[in-house]
């Protein structure tokens, strides 16, 4: 049975989707972009600032289901410009520790609201 996860610690969905859905021990999180949860507006700043906000949003969604980054088994990073990969990766490394989840990083033509980075995760309760 699936359970919808919703929290004020992450931005409200900007379309017809849930912040996350839990099924059994798994949590499937929608992609997070650097929106301020309080205002719903895209934050100002470079990819470092945006990656920081994105991961704070992911953290809020995980916490709403009693999880942390340690529960993440797979992440997908979408970036508008892979030239900023190093900057994003430096922020990412502050939130994840070994054993790291599997990860894919993909360059895309554009992201919602003009974001530079979006991250989605799959987590599992142990």
N, C-alpha and C. Protein backbone atom coordinates (compact mmCIF):
# COMPACT_ATOMS: atom_id res chain seq x y z
N UNK A 1 0.83 -1.17 0.00
CA UNK A 1 0.00 0.00 0.00
C UNK A 1 0.88 1.24 0.00
N UNK A 2 0.53 2.21 -0.80
CA UNK A 2 1.36 3.41 -0.88
C UNK A 2 0.85 4.50 0.06
N UNK A 3 1.82 5.28 0.56
CA UNK A 3 1.52 6.38 1.47
C UNK A 3 2.17 7.64 0.91
N UNK A 4 1.39 8.68 0.77
CA UNK A 4 1.91 9.95 0.26
C UNK A 4 2.60 10.69 1.39
N UNK A 5 3.79 11.21 1.11
CA UNK A 5 4.57 11.98 2.07
C UNK A 5 4.50 13.44 1.67
N UNK A 6 4.15 14.29 2.63
CA UNK A 6 4.10 15.74 2.39
C UNK A 6 4.65 16.45 3.61
N UNK A 7 5.46 17.48 3.38
CA UNK A 7 6.06 18.22 4.47
C UNK A 7 6.22 19.69 4.10
N UNK A 8 6.16 20.54 5.09
CA UNK A 8 6.41 21.96 4.87
C UNK A 8 7.91 22.26 4.85
N UNK A 9 8.74 21.24 5.11
CA UNK A 9 10.20 21.40 5.10
C UNK A 9 10.77 21.33 3.68
N UNK A 10 9.90 21.13 2.72
CA UNK A 10 10.28 21.13 1.31
C UNK A 10 9.18 21.88 0.56
N UNK A 11 9.50 22.38 -0.63
CA UNK A 11 8.49 23.13 -1.39
C UNK A 11 7.29 22.27 -1.75
N UNK A 12 6.14 22.90 -1.79
CA UNK A 12 4.94 22.21 -2.26
C UNK A 12 5.15 21.81 -3.71
N UNK A 13 4.52 20.75 -4.12
CA UNK A 13 4.60 20.30 -5.51
C UNK A 13 4.10 21.41 -6.43
N UNK A 14 4.80 21.60 -7.56
CA UNK A 14 4.40 22.64 -8.52
C UNK A 14 3.57 22.05 -9.65
N UNK A 15 3.07 20.85 -9.45
CA UNK A 15 2.26 20.18 -10.45
C UNK A 15 1.51 19.03 -9.80
N UNK A 16 0.90 18.18 -10.62
CA UNK A 16 0.12 17.07 -10.09
C UNK A 16 1.00 15.87 -9.72
N UNK A 17 1.76 16.03 -8.64
CA UNK A 17 2.61 14.96 -8.13
C UNK A 17 2.79 15.13 -6.63
N UNK A 18 3.31 14.11 -5.98
CA UNK A 18 3.58 14.13 -4.54
C UNK A 18 5.05 14.42 -4.30
N UNK A 19 5.36 15.01 -3.14
CA UNK A 19 6.76 15.21 -2.77
C UNK A 19 7.48 13.87 -2.71
N UNK A 20 6.79 12.86 -2.18
CA UNK A 20 7.34 11.51 -2.11
C UNK A 20 6.21 10.53 -1.89
N UNK A 21 6.49 9.28 -2.23
CA UNK A 21 5.54 8.20 -2.00
C UNK A 21 6.31 7.05 -1.36
N UNK A 22 5.79 6.56 -0.23
CA UNK A 22 6.38 5.41 0.45
C UNK A 22 5.59 4.17 0.07
N UNK A 23 6.32 3.12 -0.28
CA UNK A 23 5.73 1.82 -0.59
C UNK A 23 6.57 0.77 0.12
N UNK A 24 5.98 0.09 1.09
CA UNK A 24 6.76 -0.86 1.88
C UNK A 24 7.91 -0.11 2.57
N UNK A 25 9.12 -0.63 2.43
CA UNK A 25 10.30 0.00 3.03
C UNK A 25 10.92 1.06 2.13
N UNK A 26 10.37 1.26 0.95
CA UNK A 26 10.96 2.19 -0.02
C UNK A 26 10.29 3.55 0.01
N UNK A 27 11.09 4.59 -0.23
CA UNK A 27 10.59 5.95 -0.39
C UNK A 27 11.08 6.46 -1.73
N UNK A 28 10.15 6.86 -2.57
CA UNK A 28 10.46 7.40 -3.88
C UNK A 28 10.20 8.90 -3.83
N UNK A 29 11.27 9.68 -3.88
CA UNK A 29 11.16 11.13 -3.75
C UNK A 29 11.13 11.79 -5.11
N UNK A 30 10.21 12.72 -5.29
CA UNK A 30 10.17 13.52 -6.51
C UNK A 30 11.42 14.39 -6.56
N UNK A 31 11.80 14.79 -7.76
CA UNK A 31 12.94 15.67 -7.90
C UNK A 31 12.71 16.99 -7.19
N UNK A 32 13.74 17.45 -6.51
CA UNK A 32 13.68 18.72 -5.81
C UNK A 32 14.54 19.74 -6.56
N UNK A 33 13.97 20.92 -6.74
CA UNK A 33 14.73 22.03 -7.31
C UNK A 33 14.94 23.06 -6.19
N UNK A 34 15.76 24.07 -6.41
CA UNK A 34 16.10 25.00 -5.33
C UNK A 34 15.04 26.05 -5.04
N UNK A 35 13.86 25.57 -4.64
CA UNK A 35 12.80 26.47 -4.22
C UNK A 35 12.86 26.63 -2.70
N UNK A 36 12.65 27.84 -2.24
CA UNK A 36 12.53 28.10 -0.82
C UNK A 36 11.17 27.58 -0.37
N UNK A 37 11.13 26.65 0.60
CA UNK A 37 9.83 26.10 1.02
C UNK A 37 8.88 27.16 1.57
N UNK A 38 9.41 28.22 2.16
CA UNK A 38 8.56 29.25 2.77
C UNK A 38 7.88 30.12 1.72
N UNK A 39 8.59 30.38 0.60
CA UNK A 39 8.04 31.30 -0.40
C UNK A 39 7.62 30.61 -1.69
N UNK A 40 8.16 29.43 -1.94
CA UNK A 40 7.90 28.75 -3.20
C UNK A 40 8.67 29.35 -4.37
N UNK A 41 9.58 30.27 -4.07
CA UNK A 41 10.36 30.95 -5.11
C UNK A 41 11.74 30.32 -5.27
N UNK A 42 12.26 30.36 -6.49
CA UNK A 42 13.62 29.90 -6.77
C UNK A 42 14.60 30.78 -6.01
N UNK A 43 15.57 30.16 -5.33
CA UNK A 43 16.55 30.96 -4.60
C UNK A 43 17.53 31.61 -5.56
N UNK A 44 18.12 32.70 -5.13
CA UNK A 44 19.17 33.36 -5.91
C UNK A 44 20.47 32.61 -5.71
N UNK A 45 21.37 32.72 -6.67
CA UNK A 45 22.70 32.16 -6.46
C UNK A 45 23.15 31.20 -7.53
N UNK A 46 24.41 30.82 -7.40
CA UNK A 46 25.05 29.93 -8.35
C UNK A 46 24.67 28.48 -8.07
N UNK A 47 25.29 27.56 -8.78
CA UNK A 47 24.94 26.15 -8.64
C UNK A 47 25.27 25.64 -7.24
N UNK A 48 26.27 26.20 -6.57
CA UNK A 48 26.59 25.79 -5.20
C UNK A 48 25.43 26.12 -4.26
N UNK A 49 24.96 27.34 -4.32
CA UNK A 49 23.82 27.76 -3.48
C UNK A 49 22.58 26.95 -3.83
N UNK A 50 22.36 26.71 -5.11
CA UNK A 50 21.18 25.97 -5.53
C UNK A 50 21.26 24.51 -5.09
N UNK A 51 22.42 23.88 -5.21
CA UNK A 51 22.58 22.49 -4.78
C UNK A 51 22.36 22.37 -3.27
N UNK A 52 22.83 23.35 -2.53
CA UNK A 52 22.62 23.36 -1.08
C UNK A 52 21.13 23.38 -0.75
N UNK A 53 20.37 24.26 -1.40
CA UNK A 53 18.93 24.35 -1.15
C UNK A 53 18.22 23.07 -1.58
N UNK A 54 18.63 22.51 -2.72
CA UNK A 54 18.03 21.27 -3.21
C UNK A 54 18.20 20.17 -2.17
N UNK A 55 19.41 20.02 -1.66
CA UNK A 55 19.67 18.94 -0.70
C UNK A 55 19.00 19.20 0.64
N UNK A 56 18.82 20.44 1.02
CA UNK A 56 18.03 20.74 2.22
C UNK A 56 16.58 20.32 2.01
N UNK A 57 16.07 20.55 0.80
CA UNK A 57 14.71 20.13 0.48
C UNK A 57 14.58 18.61 0.52
N UNK A 58 15.56 17.91 -0.07
CA UNK A 58 15.55 16.45 -0.04
C UNK A 58 15.58 15.97 1.42
N UNK A 59 16.43 16.60 2.23
CA UNK A 59 16.54 16.24 3.64
C UNK A 59 15.18 16.37 4.34
N UNK A 60 14.45 17.42 4.03
CA UNK A 60 13.12 17.61 4.63
C UNK A 60 12.15 16.52 4.25
N UNK A 61 12.19 16.09 3.00
CA UNK A 61 11.30 15.02 2.55
C UNK A 61 11.67 13.70 3.21
N UNK A 62 12.97 13.42 3.26
CA UNK A 62 13.41 12.19 3.93
C UNK A 62 12.98 12.18 5.39
N UNK A 63 13.19 13.29 6.09
CA UNK A 63 12.86 13.38 7.51
C UNK A 63 11.36 13.18 7.74
N UNK A 64 10.54 13.62 6.81
CA UNK A 64 9.09 13.46 6.95
C UNK A 64 8.68 12.00 6.96
N UNK A 65 9.57 11.12 6.50
CA UNK A 65 9.31 9.68 6.54
C UNK A 65 10.25 8.99 7.53
N UNK A 66 10.87 9.76 8.43
CA UNK A 66 11.75 9.18 9.43
C UNK A 66 13.06 8.66 8.87
N UNK A 67 13.53 9.26 7.78
CA UNK A 67 14.76 8.81 7.13
C UNK A 67 15.80 9.92 7.08
N UNK A 68 17.03 9.52 6.75
CA UNK A 68 18.13 10.46 6.55
C UNK A 68 18.82 10.11 5.24
N UNK A 69 19.86 10.85 4.92
CA UNK A 69 20.62 10.56 3.70
C UNK A 69 21.25 9.16 3.75
N UNK A 70 21.45 8.62 4.94
CA UNK A 70 22.01 7.27 5.07
C UNK A 70 21.07 6.21 4.49
N UNK A 71 19.78 6.53 4.38
CA UNK A 71 18.81 5.59 3.82
C UNK A 71 18.76 5.62 2.30
N UNK A 72 19.39 6.61 1.68
CA UNK A 72 19.32 6.76 0.22
C UNK A 72 20.16 5.69 -0.45
N UNK A 73 19.54 4.97 -1.40
CA UNK A 73 20.25 3.93 -2.15
C UNK A 73 20.52 4.33 -3.60
N UNK A 74 19.79 5.33 -4.10
CA UNK A 74 19.96 5.78 -5.49
C UNK A 74 19.60 7.25 -5.57
N UNK A 75 20.41 8.00 -6.26
CA UNK A 75 20.07 9.40 -6.53
C UNK A 75 20.29 9.68 -8.01
N UNK A 76 19.53 10.62 -8.49
CA UNK A 76 19.70 11.09 -9.87
C UNK A 76 19.82 12.61 -9.81
N UNK A 77 20.88 13.12 -10.42
CA UNK A 77 21.14 14.56 -10.45
C UNK A 77 20.94 15.03 -11.88
N UNK A 78 20.14 16.06 -12.05
CA UNK A 78 19.91 16.68 -13.34
C UNK A 78 20.55 18.06 -13.29
N UNK A 79 21.39 18.36 -14.27
CA UNK A 79 22.07 19.66 -14.31
C UNK A 79 21.92 20.29 -15.68
N UNK A 80 21.79 21.59 -15.70
CA UNK A 80 21.69 22.32 -16.96
C UNK A 80 23.08 22.42 -17.62
N UNK A 81 24.14 22.46 -16.80
CA UNK A 81 25.49 22.60 -17.33
C UNK A 81 26.45 21.73 -16.53
N UNK A 82 26.93 20.64 -17.16
CA UNK A 82 27.85 19.74 -16.48
C UNK A 82 29.21 20.38 -16.20
N UNK A 83 29.47 21.56 -16.73
CA UNK A 83 30.69 22.28 -16.36
C UNK A 83 30.66 22.64 -14.88
N UNK A 84 29.47 22.64 -14.27
CA UNK A 84 29.32 22.93 -12.84
C UNK A 84 29.30 21.66 -11.98
N UNK A 85 29.67 20.53 -12.57
CA UNK A 85 29.63 19.25 -11.85
C UNK A 85 30.47 19.29 -10.58
N UNK A 86 31.67 19.83 -10.63
CA UNK A 86 32.56 19.87 -9.46
C UNK A 86 31.95 20.64 -8.31
N UNK A 87 31.33 21.77 -8.61
CA UNK A 87 30.71 22.58 -7.57
C UNK A 87 29.53 21.85 -6.95
N UNK A 88 28.71 21.22 -7.77
CA UNK A 88 27.57 20.46 -7.26
C UNK A 88 28.08 19.29 -6.42
N UNK A 89 29.11 18.61 -6.89
CA UNK A 89 29.64 17.44 -6.21
C UNK A 89 30.20 17.79 -4.84
N UNK A 90 30.80 18.96 -4.71
CA UNK A 90 31.34 19.39 -3.42
C UNK A 90 30.22 19.55 -2.39
N UNK A 91 29.10 20.09 -2.81
CA UNK A 91 27.94 20.24 -1.91
C UNK A 91 27.36 18.86 -1.61
N UNK A 92 27.20 18.05 -2.62
CA UNK A 92 26.65 16.70 -2.49
C UNK A 92 27.43 15.90 -1.45
N UNK A 93 28.76 16.03 -1.46
CA UNK A 93 29.63 15.29 -0.54
C UNK A 93 29.42 15.70 0.91
N UNK A 94 28.85 16.87 1.15
CA UNK A 94 28.57 17.31 2.52
C UNK A 94 27.35 16.58 3.10
N UNK A 95 26.51 16.06 2.26
CA UNK A 95 25.26 15.43 2.70
C UNK A 95 25.32 13.90 2.71
N UNK A 96 26.16 13.33 1.87
CA UNK A 96 26.25 11.87 1.76
C UNK A 96 27.61 11.41 2.27
N UNK A 97 27.60 10.24 2.91
CA UNK A 97 28.86 9.65 3.35
C UNK A 97 28.90 8.19 2.93
N UNK A 98 30.05 7.58 3.05
CA UNK A 98 30.20 6.18 2.64
C UNK A 98 29.37 5.28 3.53
N UNK A 99 28.80 4.24 3.01
CA UNK A 99 28.79 3.87 1.59
C UNK A 99 27.82 4.75 0.81
N UNK A 100 28.33 5.36 -0.24
CA UNK A 100 27.54 6.28 -1.04
C UNK A 100 26.46 5.55 -1.82
N UNK A 101 25.35 6.23 -2.08
CA UNK A 101 24.32 5.60 -2.93
C UNK A 101 24.80 5.54 -4.38
N UNK A 102 24.16 4.69 -5.15
CA UNK A 102 24.38 4.72 -6.59
C UNK A 102 23.88 6.07 -7.10
N UNK A 103 24.50 6.57 -8.17
CA UNK A 103 24.09 7.89 -8.66
C UNK A 103 24.25 7.97 -10.17
N UNK A 104 23.34 8.70 -10.78
CA UNK A 104 23.45 9.09 -12.18
C UNK A 104 23.42 10.60 -12.21
N UNK A 105 24.20 11.20 -13.11
CA UNK A 105 24.16 12.64 -13.30
C UNK A 105 23.95 12.90 -14.78
N UNK A 106 22.96 13.71 -15.08
CA UNK A 106 22.54 13.91 -16.46
C UNK A 106 22.45 15.39 -16.77
N UNK A 107 23.00 15.80 -17.92
CA UNK A 107 22.82 17.18 -18.37
C UNK A 107 21.52 17.25 -19.15
N UNK A 108 20.73 18.28 -18.83
CA UNK A 108 19.43 18.47 -19.48
C UNK A 108 19.38 19.86 -20.11
N UNK A 109 18.46 20.05 -21.03
CA UNK A 109 18.33 21.35 -21.71
C UNK A 109 17.79 22.43 -20.78
N UNK A 110 16.89 22.07 -19.89
CA UNK A 110 16.29 23.05 -18.98
C UNK A 110 15.64 22.31 -17.82
N UNK A 111 15.44 23.05 -16.72
CA UNK A 111 14.75 22.52 -15.55
C UNK A 111 13.63 23.49 -15.17
N UNK A 112 12.64 23.03 -14.42
CA UNK A 112 11.53 23.90 -14.04
C UNK A 112 12.00 25.19 -13.36
N UNK A 113 11.31 26.28 -13.68
CA UNK A 113 11.53 27.59 -13.08
C UNK A 113 12.93 28.15 -13.28
N UNK A 114 13.69 27.59 -14.23
CA UNK A 114 15.02 28.09 -14.51
C UNK A 114 16.10 27.60 -13.55
N UNK A 115 15.81 26.54 -12.81
CA UNK A 115 16.79 25.97 -11.88
C UNK A 115 18.01 25.45 -12.63
N UNK A 116 19.14 25.42 -11.94
CA UNK A 116 20.37 24.88 -12.52
C UNK A 116 20.59 23.42 -12.15
N UNK A 117 19.93 22.96 -11.07
CA UNK A 117 20.12 21.58 -10.60
C UNK A 117 18.83 21.05 -9.99
N UNK A 118 18.60 19.76 -10.17
CA UNK A 118 17.47 19.04 -9.57
C UNK A 118 18.00 17.69 -9.13
N UNK A 119 17.54 17.23 -7.97
CA UNK A 119 17.99 15.93 -7.46
C UNK A 119 16.76 15.15 -6.98
N UNK A 120 16.70 13.87 -7.39
CA UNK A 120 15.68 12.95 -6.89
C UNK A 120 16.39 11.78 -6.24
N UNK A 121 15.73 11.17 -5.25
CA UNK A 121 16.34 10.03 -4.55
C UNK A 121 15.33 8.92 -4.32
N UNK A 122 15.88 7.74 -4.14
CA UNK A 122 15.13 6.56 -3.67
C UNK A 122 15.82 6.13 -2.39
N UNK A 123 15.02 5.94 -1.33
CA UNK A 123 15.57 5.55 -0.05
C UNK A 123 14.87 4.28 0.43
N UNK A 124 15.55 3.56 1.32
CA UNK A 124 14.97 2.33 1.88
C UNK A 124 15.19 2.33 3.39
N UNK A 125 14.15 1.95 4.12
CA UNK A 125 14.26 1.81 5.57
C UNK A 125 14.98 0.50 5.85
N UNK A 126 15.85 0.53 6.82
CA UNK A 126 16.64 -0.68 7.12
C UNK A 126 15.96 -1.53 8.16
